[in-house]
Amino acid sequence: MSDPPPAAAGPAYQPDQSLSQNLEAILAVPPPPGGLTLNTLFLWTGGRGIFLFIVVLCLPFLVPASIPGLSTPLGTVILVLALRLAFGLTPRLPSWVGGKPLPPRFRPVLAGSVKLLRFIERVLVRPRRTAWMRWRAARCTNGLMMAFMGFYLALPLAIPFTNFLPAYAVLFLALSMMEDDGVLIWVGHGVSIGAVIYLVLVADKAVELSLKYYEPLLRWLQRWL
């Protein structure tokens, strides 16, 4: 499937716009024929599009109760794009991923997240201590952490907050790299580490509870089989 021409259907990206303003401009136009695709959304974001695009992908998971079925495909896309960023490759999506229309429910989720983004832009993100953020080693390390959080997000886990935490880690990492914010980037790494610790603790408890409640059932079945 090929993407519709984004220049004819969508708003031109304005470098001086904030992230929330750019999203509002995208939402203000009707979706192109055949539906909005990832590649179309990526092209509409222009210059800093890779980071903006990654932020857009994690927006549906910024509330604890996210839409089921989105984490695996969107987390996989974040993983691939972050790896390309980490190794200095041009970010792009194959047509079988980037050309697939997003479900209609993605647009209202995006619209509902704009208010949160305005708050983040106002109080959190700005260029600070930017010199080291441009080092090749720093960009690689930050990209690899983002890729790991994308992998975490893509896991089909039926555990509360296992989409919520890595999504916020991706959000902080991407915004920091987009604005060269050398302070906020540490928040992103901290949330990433916290997400892994949470998964280890919760997964261990889930296994323990499963064994506690299912062992009597298994013994009962063994007696009757």
N, C-alpha and C. Protein backbone atom coordinates (compact mmCIF):
# COMPACT_ATOMS: atom_id res chain seq x y z
N MET A 1 0.84 -1.20 0.00
CA MET A 1 0.00 0.00 0.00
C MET A 1 0.87 1.24 0.00
N SER A 2 0.60 2.19 -0.88
CA SER A 2 1.36 3.42 -0.92
C SER A 2 0.62 4.52 -0.18
N ASP A 3 1.38 5.44 0.40
CA ASP A 3 0.79 6.52 1.16
C ASP A 3 0.25 7.59 0.23
N PRO A 4 -0.84 8.28 0.62
CA PRO A 4 -1.30 9.43 -0.13
C PRO A 4 -0.32 10.57 0.00
N PRO A 5 -0.29 11.48 -0.96
CA PRO A 5 0.65 12.59 -0.89
C PRO A 5 0.38 13.48 0.31
N PRO A 6 1.25 13.49 1.33
CA PRO A 6 0.97 14.25 2.52
C PRO A 6 0.95 15.74 2.32
N ALA A 7 1.73 16.25 1.35
CA ALA A 7 1.78 17.70 1.16
C ALA A 7 0.43 18.23 0.71
N ALA A 8 -0.32 17.42 -0.04
CA ALA A 8 -1.61 17.87 -0.53
C ALA A 8 -2.71 17.70 0.50
N ALA A 9 -2.54 16.74 1.41
CA ALA A 9 -3.62 16.40 2.32
C ALA A 9 -3.45 16.95 3.72
N GLY A 10 -2.23 17.22 4.13
CA GLY A 10 -2.00 17.59 5.52
C GLY A 10 -1.28 18.92 5.66
N PRO A 11 -1.15 19.40 6.89
CA PRO A 11 -0.50 20.69 7.13
C PRO A 11 1.01 20.59 7.00
N ALA A 12 1.62 21.65 6.52
CA ALA A 12 3.08 21.69 6.45
C ALA A 12 3.64 21.88 7.86
N TYR A 13 4.73 21.18 8.13
CA TYR A 13 5.35 21.29 9.46
C TYR A 13 6.03 22.64 9.61
N GLN A 14 5.77 23.32 10.72
CA GLN A 14 6.37 24.61 11.02
C GLN A 14 7.41 24.42 12.13
N PRO A 15 8.70 24.67 11.85
CA PRO A 15 9.75 24.43 12.85
C PRO A 15 9.56 25.22 14.14
N ASP A 16 8.90 26.38 14.05
CA ASP A 16 8.73 27.21 15.25
C ASP A 16 7.52 26.79 16.08
N GLN A 17 6.76 25.81 15.62
CA GLN A 17 5.61 25.34 16.39
C GLN A 17 6.05 24.41 17.51
N SER A 18 5.29 24.45 18.59
CA SER A 18 5.51 23.47 19.66
C SER A 18 4.92 22.14 19.23
N LEU A 19 5.22 21.10 19.99
CA LEU A 19 4.69 19.78 19.69
C LEU A 19 3.17 19.77 19.72
N SER A 20 2.58 20.38 20.75
CA SER A 20 1.12 20.38 20.84
C SER A 20 0.48 21.15 19.68
N GLN A 21 1.10 22.24 19.26
CA GLN A 21 0.57 23.01 18.13
C GLN A 21 0.63 22.21 16.84
N ASN A 22 1.71 21.46 16.66
CA ASN A 22 1.83 20.64 15.46
C ASN A 22 0.77 19.54 15.44
N LEU A 23 0.51 18.93 16.60
CA LEU A 23 -0.52 17.90 16.66
C LEU A 23 -1.90 18.49 16.41
N GLU A 24 -2.15 19.67 16.94
CA GLU A 24 -3.44 20.31 16.69
C GLU A 24 -3.64 20.61 15.21
N ALA A 25 -2.56 21.02 14.53
CA ALA A 25 -2.66 21.28 13.09
C ALA A 25 -2.96 20.01 12.31
N ILE A 26 -2.36 18.89 12.73
CA ILE A 26 -2.61 17.61 12.07
C ILE A 26 -4.05 17.17 12.29
N LEU A 27 -4.53 17.34 13.53
CA LEU A 27 -5.89 16.92 13.84
C LEU A 27 -6.94 17.83 13.21
N ALA A 28 -6.54 19.04 12.82
CA ALA A 28 -7.51 19.98 12.26
C ALA A 28 -7.90 19.65 10.82
N VAL A 29 -7.13 18.81 10.17
CA VAL A 29 -7.46 18.45 8.78
C VAL A 29 -8.05 17.04 8.76
N PRO A 30 -8.92 16.75 7.80
CA PRO A 30 -9.48 15.40 7.72
C PRO A 30 -8.42 14.39 7.33
N PRO A 31 -8.58 13.13 7.74
CA PRO A 31 -7.60 12.12 7.35
C PRO A 31 -7.58 11.94 5.84
N PRO A 32 -6.45 11.60 5.28
CA PRO A 32 -6.37 11.42 3.83
C PRO A 32 -7.19 10.22 3.37
N PRO A 33 -7.51 10.13 2.08
CA PRO A 33 -8.24 8.97 1.57
C PRO A 33 -7.53 7.67 1.91
N GLY A 34 -8.28 6.71 2.42
CA GLY A 34 -7.68 5.45 2.82
C GLY A 34 -7.25 5.42 4.27
N GLY A 35 -7.29 6.58 4.96
CA GLY A 35 -6.93 6.62 6.37
C GLY A 35 -5.54 7.17 6.61
N LEU A 36 -5.31 7.63 7.82
CA LEU A 36 -4.02 8.17 8.22
C LEU A 36 -3.06 7.02 8.49
N THR A 37 -1.89 7.06 7.89
CA THR A 37 -0.89 6.02 8.08
C THR A 37 0.30 6.56 8.87
N LEU A 38 1.15 5.67 9.34
CA LEU A 38 2.33 6.08 10.09
C LEU A 38 3.28 6.90 9.22
N ASN A 39 3.49 6.48 7.98
CA ASN A 39 4.40 7.22 7.11
C ASN A 39 3.86 8.61 6.80
N THR A 40 2.55 8.73 6.61
CA THR A 40 1.97 10.04 6.37
C THR A 40 2.16 10.94 7.59
N LEU A 41 1.90 10.41 8.77
CA LEU A 41 2.07 11.18 10.00
C LEU A 41 3.53 11.59 10.18
N PHE A 42 4.43 10.67 9.86
CA PHE A 42 5.85 10.97 9.99
C PHE A 42 6.25 12.12 9.05
N LEU A 43 5.79 12.08 7.81
CA LEU A 43 6.13 13.12 6.84
C LEU A 43 5.54 14.48 7.24
N TRP A 44 4.35 14.47 7.80
CA TRP A 44 3.72 15.72 8.21
C TRP A 44 4.48 16.40 9.35
N THR A 45 5.25 15.65 10.11
CA THR A 45 5.96 16.25 11.24
C THR A 45 7.25 16.95 10.82
N GLY A 46 7.78 16.69 9.64
CA GLY A 46 8.93 17.43 9.12
C GLY A 46 10.20 17.31 9.94
N GLY A 47 11.11 18.31 9.82
CA GLY A 47 12.41 18.40 10.47
C GLY A 47 12.69 17.52 11.67
N ARG A 48 12.10 17.82 12.81
CA ARG A 48 12.34 17.05 14.03
C ARG A 48 11.38 15.87 14.11
N GLY A 49 10.91 15.44 12.98
CA GLY A 49 9.82 14.48 12.93
C GLY A 49 10.04 13.17 13.63
N ILE A 50 11.28 12.68 13.64
CA ILE A 50 11.49 11.37 14.23
C ILE A 50 11.12 11.36 15.70
N PHE A 51 11.55 12.38 16.45
CA PHE A 51 11.24 12.43 17.88
C PHE A 51 9.76 12.73 18.12
N LEU A 52 9.23 13.66 17.34
CA LEU A 52 7.81 13.96 17.44
C LEU A 52 6.97 12.74 17.11
N PHE A 53 7.39 12.00 16.10
CA PHE A 53 6.68 10.80 15.70
C PHE A 53 6.68 9.76 16.81
N ILE A 54 7.83 9.55 17.45
CA ILE A 54 7.91 8.59 18.54
C ILE A 54 7.02 9.02 19.71
N VAL A 55 7.01 10.31 20.01
CA VAL A 55 6.12 10.81 21.06
C VAL A 55 4.67 10.53 20.72
N VAL A 56 4.29 10.77 19.46
CA VAL A 56 2.92 10.50 19.03
C VAL A 56 2.56 9.04 19.24
N LEU A 57 3.49 8.14 18.95
CA LEU A 57 3.21 6.72 19.09
C LEU A 57 2.97 6.29 20.53
N CYS A 58 3.59 6.96 21.49
CA CYS A 58 3.40 6.55 22.87
C CYS A 58 2.25 7.27 23.56
N LEU A 59 1.63 8.26 22.89
CA LEU A 59 0.55 9.02 23.51
C LEU A 59 -0.63 8.16 23.98
N PRO A 60 -1.06 7.13 23.23
CA PRO A 60 -2.21 6.35 23.70
C PRO A 60 -1.99 5.66 25.04
N PHE A 61 -0.74 5.58 25.51
CA PHE A 61 -0.44 4.82 26.73
C PHE A 61 -0.11 5.72 27.91
N LEU A 62 -0.35 7.03 27.77
CA LEU A 62 -0.02 7.95 28.85
C LEU A 62 -1.07 8.01 29.94
N VAL A 63 -2.13 7.24 29.80
CA VAL A 63 -3.11 7.06 30.87
C VAL A 63 -3.05 5.59 31.28
N PRO A 64 -3.32 5.29 32.56
CA PRO A 64 -3.17 3.90 33.03
C PRO A 64 -4.01 2.89 32.25
N ALA A 65 -5.22 3.26 31.84
CA ALA A 65 -6.09 2.34 31.10
C ALA A 65 -6.03 2.69 29.62
N SER A 66 -5.09 2.09 28.88
CA SER A 66 -4.92 2.40 27.48
C SER A 66 -5.76 1.46 26.60
N ILE A 67 -5.85 1.80 25.32
CA ILE A 67 -6.63 1.00 24.38
C ILE A 67 -5.92 -0.33 24.11
N PRO A 68 -6.62 -1.46 24.30
CA PRO A 68 -5.99 -2.76 24.05
C PRO A 68 -5.63 -2.93 22.58
N GLY A 69 -4.56 -3.67 22.33
CA GLY A 69 -4.19 -4.03 20.97
C GLY A 69 -3.26 -3.08 20.26
N LEU A 70 -2.96 -1.92 20.87
CA LEU A 70 -2.08 -0.96 20.21
C LEU A 70 -0.63 -1.08 20.63
N SER A 71 -0.37 -1.64 21.81
CA SER A 71 0.99 -1.58 22.35
C SER A 71 1.99 -2.39 21.53
N THR A 72 1.59 -3.56 21.03
CA THR A 72 2.55 -4.39 20.29
C THR A 72 2.98 -3.75 18.97
N PRO A 73 2.05 -3.32 18.09
CA PRO A 73 2.52 -2.70 16.85
C PRO A 73 3.24 -1.37 17.06
N LEU A 74 2.72 -0.52 17.94
CA LEU A 74 3.34 0.79 18.13
C LEU A 74 4.66 0.67 18.88
N GLY A 75 4.73 -0.25 19.86
CA GLY A 75 5.99 -0.48 20.55
C GLY A 75 7.07 -1.01 19.61
N THR A 76 6.67 -1.85 18.66
CA THR A 76 7.63 -2.38 17.69
C THR A 76 8.17 -1.28 16.80
N VAL A 77 7.31 -0.36 16.39
CA VAL A 77 7.75 0.77 15.56
C VAL A 77 8.72 1.65 16.34
N ILE A 78 8.41 1.92 17.62
CA ILE A 78 9.33 2.71 18.46
C ILE A 78 10.68 2.01 18.56
N LEU A 79 10.67 0.70 18.75
CA LEU A 79 11.91 -0.07 18.85
C LEU A 79 12.76 0.10 17.59
N VAL A 80 12.14 -0.06 16.42
CA VAL A 80 12.88 0.01 15.15
C VAL A 80 13.44 1.42 14.93
N LEU A 81 12.61 2.43 15.14
CA LEU A 81 13.06 3.81 14.92
C LEU A 81 14.16 4.21 15.90
N ALA A 82 14.03 3.78 17.15
CA ALA A 82 15.04 4.13 18.15
C ALA A 82 16.38 3.46 17.84
N LEU A 83 16.33 2.23 17.34
CA LEU A 83 17.58 1.56 16.94
C LEU A 83 18.25 2.29 15.80
N ARG A 84 17.46 2.75 14.85
CA ARG A 84 18.03 3.51 13.74
C ARG A 84 18.65 4.82 14.23
N LEU A 85 17.98 5.46 15.20
CA LEU A 85 18.55 6.67 15.79
C LEU A 85 19.86 6.36 16.52
N ALA A 86 19.87 5.26 17.26
CA ALA A 86 21.05 4.91 18.05
C ALA A 86 22.28 4.68 17.17
N PHE A 87 22.05 4.11 15.98
CA PHE A 87 23.17 3.79 15.10
C PHE A 87 23.35 4.81 13.97
N GLY A 88 22.67 5.96 14.10
CA GLY A 88 22.88 7.04 13.16
C GLY A 88 22.32 6.80 11.77
N LEU A 89 21.31 5.94 11.65
CA LEU A 89 20.70 5.64 10.36
C LEU A 89 19.49 6.54 10.11
N THR A 90 19.17 6.74 8.85
CA THR A 90 17.99 7.54 8.51
C THR A 90 16.73 6.80 8.93
N PRO A 91 15.88 7.39 9.76
CA PRO A 91 14.68 6.69 10.22
C PRO A 91 13.63 6.61 9.12
N ARG A 92 13.18 5.42 8.84
CA ARG A 92 12.11 5.22 7.87
C ARG A 92 11.42 3.90 8.17
N LEU A 93 10.21 3.76 7.68
CA LEU A 93 9.41 2.57 7.92
C LEU A 93 9.14 1.85 6.61
N PRO A 94 9.19 0.53 6.60
CA PRO A 94 8.78 -0.20 5.40
C PRO A 94 7.29 0.00 5.14
N SER A 95 6.90 -0.11 3.87
CA SER A 95 5.52 0.20 3.51
C SER A 95 4.51 -0.73 4.18
N TRP A 96 4.92 -1.97 4.50
CA TRP A 96 3.97 -2.90 5.11
C TRP A 96 3.66 -2.50 6.55
N VAL A 97 4.48 -1.63 7.13
CA VAL A 97 4.18 -1.08 8.46
C VAL A 97 3.69 0.36 8.32
N GLY A 98 4.48 1.18 7.64
CA GLY A 98 4.17 2.59 7.53
C GLY A 98 2.97 2.90 6.65
N GLY A 99 2.60 1.96 5.77
CA GLY A 99 1.47 2.20 4.89
C GLY A 99 0.15 1.67 5.39
N LYS A 100 0.14 1.09 6.57
CA LYS A 100 -1.10 0.53 7.12
C LYS A 100 -1.90 1.61 7.84
N PRO A 101 -3.16 1.81 7.49
CA PRO A 101 -3.96 2.87 8.15
C PRO A 101 -4.11 2.62 9.65
N LEU A 102 -3.98 3.68 10.41
CA LEU A 102 -4.21 3.59 11.85
C LEU A 102 -5.71 3.49 12.12
N PRO A 103 -6.11 2.80 13.19
CA PRO A 103 -7.54 2.70 13.48
C PRO A 103 -8.13 4.07 13.78
N PRO A 104 -9.41 4.29 13.44
CA PRO A 104 -10.04 5.60 13.67
C PRO A 104 -9.96 6.05 15.13
N ARG A 105 -9.94 5.11 16.07
CA ARG A 105 -9.91 5.49 17.49
C ARG A 105 -8.59 6.14 17.89
N PHE A 106 -7.58 6.08 17.01
CA PHE A 106 -6.29 6.71 17.33
C PHE A 106 -6.40 8.23 17.35
N ARG A 107 -7.23 8.80 16.50
CA ARG A 107 -7.34 10.27 16.42
C ARG A 107 -7.91 10.89 17.70
N PRO A 108 -9.04 10.39 18.25
CA PRO A 108 -9.52 10.99 19.50
C PRO A 108 -8.55 10.80 20.67
N VAL A 109 -7.82 9.70 20.69
CA VAL A 109 -6.81 9.51 21.73
C VAL A 109 -5.73 10.57 21.60
N LEU A 110 -5.32 10.84 20.36
CA LEU A 110 -4.33 11.87 20.09
C LEU A 110 -4.84 13.24 20.52
N ALA A 111 -6.09 13.53 20.21
CA ALA A 111 -6.68 14.82 20.57
C ALA A 111 -6.74 14.99 22.09
N GLY A 112 -7.05 13.93 22.81
CA GLY A 112 -7.15 14.01 24.26
C GLY A 112 -5.82 14.18 24.95
N SER A 113 -4.73 13.93 24.24
CA SER A 113 -3.39 14.02 24.84
C SER A 113 -2.75 15.39 24.64
N VAL A 114 -3.36 16.25 23.82
CA VAL A 114 -2.75 17.56 23.53
C VAL A 114 -2.62 18.42 24.79
N LYS A 115 -3.64 18.38 25.65
CA LYS A 115 -3.60 19.19 26.87
C LYS A 115 -2.43 18.78 27.76
N LEU A 116 -2.18 17.48 27.88
CA LEU A 116 -1.05 17.00 28.66
C LEU A 116 0.26 17.48 28.06
N LEU A 117 0.35 17.46 26.74
CA LEU A 117 1.58 17.90 26.08
C LEU A 117 1.83 19.39 26.31
N ARG A 118 0.77 20.19 26.32
CA ARG A 118 0.95 21.62 26.61
C ARG A 118 1.58 21.83 27.98
N PHE A 119 1.13 21.05 28.96
CA PHE A 119 1.68 21.14 30.31
C PHE A 119 3.15 20.74 30.32
N ILE A 120 3.47 19.65 29.62
CA ILE A 120 4.86 19.17 29.58
C ILE A 120 5.76 20.22 28.94
N GLU A 121 5.31 20.83 27.85
CA GLU A 121 6.11 21.86 27.17
C GLU A 121 6.31 23.08 28.06
N ARG A 122 5.31 23.40 28.85
CA ARG A 122 5.38 24.61 29.67
C ARG A 122 6.32 24.45 30.87
N VAL A 123 6.35 23.27 31.46
CA VAL A 123 7.07 23.14 32.73
C VAL A 123 8.29 22.22 32.67
N LEU A 124 8.43 21.41 31.61
CA LEU A 124 9.47 20.39 31.63
C LEU A 124 10.56 20.56 30.59
N VAL A 125 10.21 20.79 29.33
CA VAL A 125 11.16 20.65 28.23
C VAL A 125 11.69 22.00 27.77
N ARG A 126 13.01 22.13 27.77
CA ARG A 126 13.68 23.28 27.17
C ARG A 126 15.16 22.92 27.02
N PRO A 127 15.86 23.58 26.12
CA PRO A 127 17.29 23.29 25.96
C PRO A 127 18.07 23.61 27.24
N ARG A 128 18.68 22.59 27.83
CA ARG A 128 19.48 22.77 29.05
C ARG A 128 20.68 21.83 28.99
N ARG A 129 21.86 22.36 29.28
CA ARG A 129 23.09 21.55 29.29
C ARG A 129 23.16 20.69 28.03
N THR A 130 23.13 21.35 26.91
CA THR A 130 22.92 20.66 25.64
C THR A 130 24.18 20.07 25.02
N ALA A 131 25.36 20.56 25.40
CA ALA A 131 26.59 20.17 24.69
C ALA A 131 26.77 18.66 24.65
N TRP A 132 26.69 18.01 25.80
CA TRP A 132 26.95 16.57 25.84
C TRP A 132 25.84 15.77 25.15
N MET A 133 24.65 16.33 25.03
CA MET A 133 23.56 15.63 24.37
C MET A 133 23.83 15.40 22.89
N ARG A 134 24.75 16.17 22.31
CA ARG A 134 25.06 16.04 20.90
C ARG A 134 26.23 15.08 20.65
N TRP A 135 26.85 14.58 21.70
CA TRP A 135 27.93 13.62 21.52
C TRP A 135 27.37 12.34 20.91
N ARG A 136 28.15 11.73 20.04
CA ARG A 136 27.70 10.50 19.37
C ARG A 136 27.42 9.40 20.38
N ALA A 137 28.28 9.26 21.38
CA ALA A 137 28.09 8.20 22.38
C ALA A 137 26.81 8.43 23.17
N ALA A 138 26.51 9.72 23.50
CA ALA A 138 25.31 10.02 24.26
C ALA A 138 24.06 9.72 23.43
N ARG A 139 24.07 10.10 22.15
CA ARG A 139 22.91 9.84 21.30
C ARG A 139 22.69 8.34 21.11
N CYS A 140 23.78 7.60 21.02
CA CYS A 140 23.66 6.14 20.89
C CYS A 140 23.09 5.53 22.16
N THR A 141 23.60 5.93 23.31
CA THR A 141 23.11 5.40 24.59
C THR A 141 21.64 5.74 24.81
N ASN A 142 21.28 6.98 24.55
CA ASN A 142 19.88 7.39 24.72
C ASN A 142 18.96 6.64 23.74
N GLY A 143 19.43 6.47 22.52
CA GLY A 143 18.65 5.73 21.54
C GLY A 143 18.45 4.28 21.91
N LEU A 144 19.50 3.65 22.45
CA LEU A 144 19.38 2.26 22.86
C LEU A 144 18.43 2.10 24.04
N MET A 145 18.45 3.03 24.98
CA MET A 145 17.50 2.97 26.09
C MET A 145 16.07 3.11 25.58
N MET A 146 15.86 4.03 24.64
CA MET A 146 14.54 4.20 24.07
C MET A 146 14.10 2.93 23.33
N ALA A 147 15.03 2.29 22.62
CA ALA A 147 14.72 1.05 21.91
C ALA A 147 14.30 -0.05 22.89
N PHE A 148 14.99 -0.13 24.03
CA PHE A 148 14.64 -1.13 25.04
C PHE A 148 13.25 -0.88 25.60
N MET A 149 12.90 0.39 25.82
CA MET A 149 11.56 0.72 26.31
C MET A 149 10.50 0.42 25.24
N GLY A 150 10.86 0.58 23.96
CA GLY A 150 9.95 0.21 22.89
C GLY A 150 9.70 -1.29 22.88
N PHE A 151 10.75 -2.07 23.11
CA PHE A 151 10.60 -3.53 23.21
C PHE A 151 9.71 -3.90 24.39
N TYR A 152 9.93 -3.25 25.51
CA TYR A 152 9.12 -3.47 26.72
C TYR A 152 7.65 -3.17 26.42
N LEU A 153 7.40 -2.05 25.76
CA LEU A 153 6.02 -1.64 25.43
C LEU A 153 5.36 -2.64 24.49
N ALA A 154 6.15 -3.26 23.61
CA ALA A 154 5.60 -4.18 22.62
C ALA A 154 5.24 -5.55 23.22
N LEU A 155 5.73 -5.85 24.41
CA LEU A 155 5.42 -7.14 25.02
C LEU A 155 3.93 -7.24 25.34
N PRO A 156 3.28 -8.33 24.97
CA PRO A 156 1.84 -8.49 25.24
C PRO A 156 1.58 -8.92 26.68
N LEU A 157 1.78 -8.01 27.61
CA LEU A 157 1.66 -8.32 29.04
C LEU A 157 0.31 -7.86 29.56
N ALA A 158 -0.38 -8.73 30.25
CA ALA A 158 -1.66 -8.37 30.87
C ALA A 158 -1.44 -8.00 32.33
N ILE A 159 -0.54 -7.05 32.56
CA ILE A 159 -0.18 -6.61 33.91
C ILE A 159 -0.40 -5.10 33.98
N PRO A 160 -1.06 -4.59 35.01
CA PRO A 160 -1.31 -3.15 35.10
C PRO A 160 -0.03 -2.33 35.06
N PHE A 161 -0.08 -1.21 34.35
CA PHE A 161 0.99 -0.22 34.25
C PHE A 161 2.19 -0.65 33.42
N THR A 162 2.15 -1.83 32.79
CA THR A 162 3.29 -2.24 31.98
C THR A 162 3.32 -1.56 30.61
N ASN A 163 2.28 -0.86 30.25
CA ASN A 163 2.33 0.05 29.09
C ASN A 163 2.58 1.49 29.55
N PHE A 164 1.98 1.84 30.65
CA PHE A 164 2.02 3.20 31.20
C PHE A 164 3.46 3.65 31.50
N LEU A 165 4.23 2.85 32.20
CA LEU A 165 5.57 3.24 32.62
C LEU A 165 6.56 3.36 31.46
N PRO A 166 6.68 2.36 30.58
CA PRO A 166 7.62 2.53 29.47
C PRO A 166 7.21 3.64 28.51
N ALA A 167 5.90 3.91 28.39
CA ALA A 167 5.45 5.00 27.52
C ALA A 167 5.96 6.34 28.04
N TYR A 168 5.90 6.55 29.36
CA TYR A 168 6.42 7.80 29.92
C TYR A 168 7.94 7.86 29.78
N ALA A 169 8.62 6.73 29.89
CA ALA A 169 10.07 6.72 29.68
C ALA A 169 10.39 7.14 28.24
N VAL A 170 9.67 6.58 27.27
CA VAL A 170 9.87 6.95 25.87
C VAL A 170 9.57 8.44 25.66
N LEU A 171 8.49 8.91 26.28
CA LEU A 171 8.11 10.32 26.15
C LEU A 171 9.23 11.24 26.61
N PHE A 172 9.76 11.00 27.81
CA PHE A 172 10.81 11.86 28.34
C PHE A 172 12.10 11.76 27.52
N LEU A 173 12.45 10.55 27.11
CA LEU A 173 13.66 10.37 26.31
C LEU A 173 13.55 11.09 24.97
N ALA A 174 12.40 10.91 24.30
CA ALA A 174 12.22 11.52 22.97
C ALA A 174 12.17 13.04 23.05
N LEU A 175 11.41 13.58 24.03
CA LEU A 175 11.33 15.03 24.18
C LEU A 175 12.69 15.62 24.51
N SER A 176 13.45 14.93 25.36
CA SER A 176 14.78 15.42 25.74
C SER A 176 15.72 15.46 24.54
N MET A 177 15.68 14.40 23.73
CA MET A 177 16.55 14.36 22.56
C MET A 177 16.10 15.38 21.51
N MET A 178 14.80 15.60 21.41
CA MET A 178 14.28 16.56 20.44
C MET A 178 14.68 17.99 20.79
N GLU A 179 14.69 18.33 22.09
CA GLU A 179 14.99 19.69 22.54
C GLU A 179 16.40 19.82 23.09
N ASP A 180 17.21 18.75 23.01
CA ASP A 180 18.55 18.74 23.61
C ASP A 180 18.51 19.16 25.07
N ASP A 181 17.58 18.56 25.81
CA ASP A 181 17.41 18.86 27.23
C ASP A 181 18.27 17.88 28.04
N GLY A 182 19.43 18.36 28.48
CA GLY A 182 20.36 17.50 29.20
C GLY A 182 20.00 17.28 30.65
N VAL A 183 18.89 17.84 31.12
CA VAL A 183 18.40 17.61 32.47
C VAL A 183 17.26 16.58 32.44
N LEU A 184 16.28 16.83 31.59
CA LEU A 184 15.13 15.94 31.52
C LEU A 184 15.51 14.53 31.06
N ILE A 185 16.60 14.41 30.32
CA ILE A 185 17.00 13.09 29.83
C ILE A 185 17.23 12.12 30.99
N TRP A 186 17.70 12.64 32.13
CA TRP A 186 17.94 11.77 33.29
C TRP A 186 16.63 11.30 33.90
N VAL A 187 15.59 12.10 33.77
CA VAL A 187 14.26 11.64 34.21
C VAL A 187 13.83 10.46 33.34
N GLY A 188 14.07 10.56 32.03
CA GLY A 188 13.75 9.46 31.14
C GLY A 188 14.47 8.18 31.50
N HIS A 189 15.75 8.28 31.80
CA HIS A 189 16.51 7.09 32.19
C HIS A 189 16.03 6.55 33.54
N GLY A 190 15.69 7.46 34.47
CA GLY A 190 15.19 7.02 35.77
C GLY A 190 13.87 6.28 35.66
N VAL A 191 12.95 6.81 34.85
CA VAL A 191 11.66 6.13 34.65
C VAL A 191 11.87 4.78 33.96
N SER A 192 12.83 4.70 33.04
CA SER A 192 13.13 3.44 32.36
C SER A 192 13.58 2.37 33.36
N ILE A 193 14.48 2.76 34.25
CA ILE A 193 14.97 1.81 35.26
C ILE A 193 13.83 1.41 36.20
N GLY A 194 13.01 2.39 36.59
CA GLY A 194 11.87 2.09 37.46
C GLY A 194 10.88 1.14 36.80
N ALA A 195 10.66 1.29 35.49
CA ALA A 195 9.75 0.42 34.76
C ALA A 195 10.24 -1.02 34.78
N VAL A 196 11.56 -1.20 34.61
CA VAL A 196 12.13 -2.56 34.62
C VAL A 196 12.01 -3.16 36.01
N ILE A 197 12.32 -2.38 37.04
CA ILE A 197 12.20 -2.89 38.41
C ILE A 197 10.76 -3.29 38.71
N TYR A 198 9.82 -2.46 38.29
CA TYR A 198 8.40 -2.76 38.52
C TYR A 198 8.01 -4.07 37.85
N LEU A 199 8.44 -4.26 36.60
CA LEU A 199 8.10 -5.48 35.87
C LEU A 199 8.66 -6.71 36.57
N VAL A 200 9.91 -6.63 37.02
CA VAL A 200 10.54 -7.77 37.70
C VAL A 200 9.78 -8.11 38.98
N LEU A 201 9.45 -7.10 39.77
CA LEU A 201 8.76 -7.33 41.04
C LEU A 201 7.35 -7.88 40.81
N VAL A 202 6.62 -7.26 39.87
CA VAL A 202 5.24 -7.68 39.62
C VAL A 202 5.19 -9.06 38.98
N ALA A 203 6.10 -9.32 38.03
CA ALA A 203 6.13 -10.63 37.37
C ALA A 203 6.44 -11.73 38.39
N ASP A 204 7.39 -11.45 39.30
CA ASP A 204 7.72 -12.44 40.32
C ASP A 204 6.52 -12.72 41.22
N LYS A 205 5.79 -11.65 41.59
CA LYS A 205 4.61 -11.82 42.44
C LYS A 205 3.51 -12.56 41.71
N ALA A 206 3.36 -12.27 40.40
CA ALA A 206 2.33 -12.96 39.60
C ALA A 206 2.59 -14.46 39.54
N VAL A 207 3.85 -14.82 39.35
CA VAL A 207 4.20 -16.25 39.33
C VAL A 207 3.93 -16.90 40.68
N GLU A 208 4.29 -16.19 41.75
CA GLU A 208 4.07 -16.71 43.10
C GLU A 208 2.59 -16.93 43.38
N LEU A 209 1.74 -15.96 43.00
CA LEU A 209 0.30 -16.11 43.22
C LEU A 209 -0.28 -17.21 42.35
N SER A 210 0.22 -17.33 41.13
CA SER A 210 -0.27 -18.38 40.24
C SER A 210 0.01 -19.75 40.84
N LEU A 211 1.22 -19.95 41.35
CA LEU A 211 1.56 -21.23 41.95
C LEU A 211 0.72 -21.50 43.19
N LYS A 212 0.47 -20.45 43.97
CA LYS A 212 -0.30 -20.61 45.21
C LYS A 212 -1.73 -21.07 44.94
N TYR A 213 -2.37 -20.48 43.93
CA TYR A 213 -3.79 -20.75 43.69
C TYR A 213 -4.03 -21.89 42.70
N TYR A 214 -3.04 -22.18 41.85
CA TYR A 214 -3.26 -23.20 40.85
C TYR A 214 -2.74 -24.58 41.25
N GLU A 215 -1.83 -24.63 42.20
CA GLU A 215 -1.32 -25.94 42.64
C GLU A 215 -2.43 -26.82 43.21
N PRO A 216 -3.32 -26.30 44.09
CA PRO A 216 -4.42 -27.16 44.57
C PRO A 216 -5.32 -27.63 43.44
N LEU A 217 -5.56 -26.77 42.47
CA LEU A 217 -6.39 -27.17 41.33
C LEU A 217 -5.71 -28.28 40.53
N LEU A 218 -4.40 -28.14 40.32
CA LEU A 218 -3.68 -29.16 39.56
C LEU A 218 -3.68 -30.50 40.29
N ARG A 219 -3.53 -30.45 41.63
CA ARG A 219 -3.56 -31.71 42.39
C ARG A 219 -4.94 -32.36 42.29
N TRP A 220 -6.00 -31.55 42.35
CA TRP A 220 -7.36 -32.09 42.24
C TRP A 220 -7.58 -32.72 40.88
N LEU A 221 -7.07 -32.05 39.82
CA LEU A 221 -7.22 -32.61 38.46
C LEU A 221 -6.45 -33.91 38.33
N GLN A 222 -5.26 -33.99 38.93
CA GLN A 222 -4.46 -35.20 38.82
C GLN A 222 -5.16 -36.40 39.45
N ARG A 223 -5.93 -36.14 40.50
CA ARG A 223 -6.64 -37.25 41.13
C ARG A 223 -7.76 -37.78 40.26
N TRP A 224 -8.30 -36.95 39.40
CA TRP A 224 -9.45 -37.35 38.60
C TRP A 224 -9.07 -37.70 37.16
N LEU A 225 -7.84 -37.49 36.77
CA LEU A 225 -7.43 -37.82 35.40
C LEU A 225 -6.81 -39.21 35.34
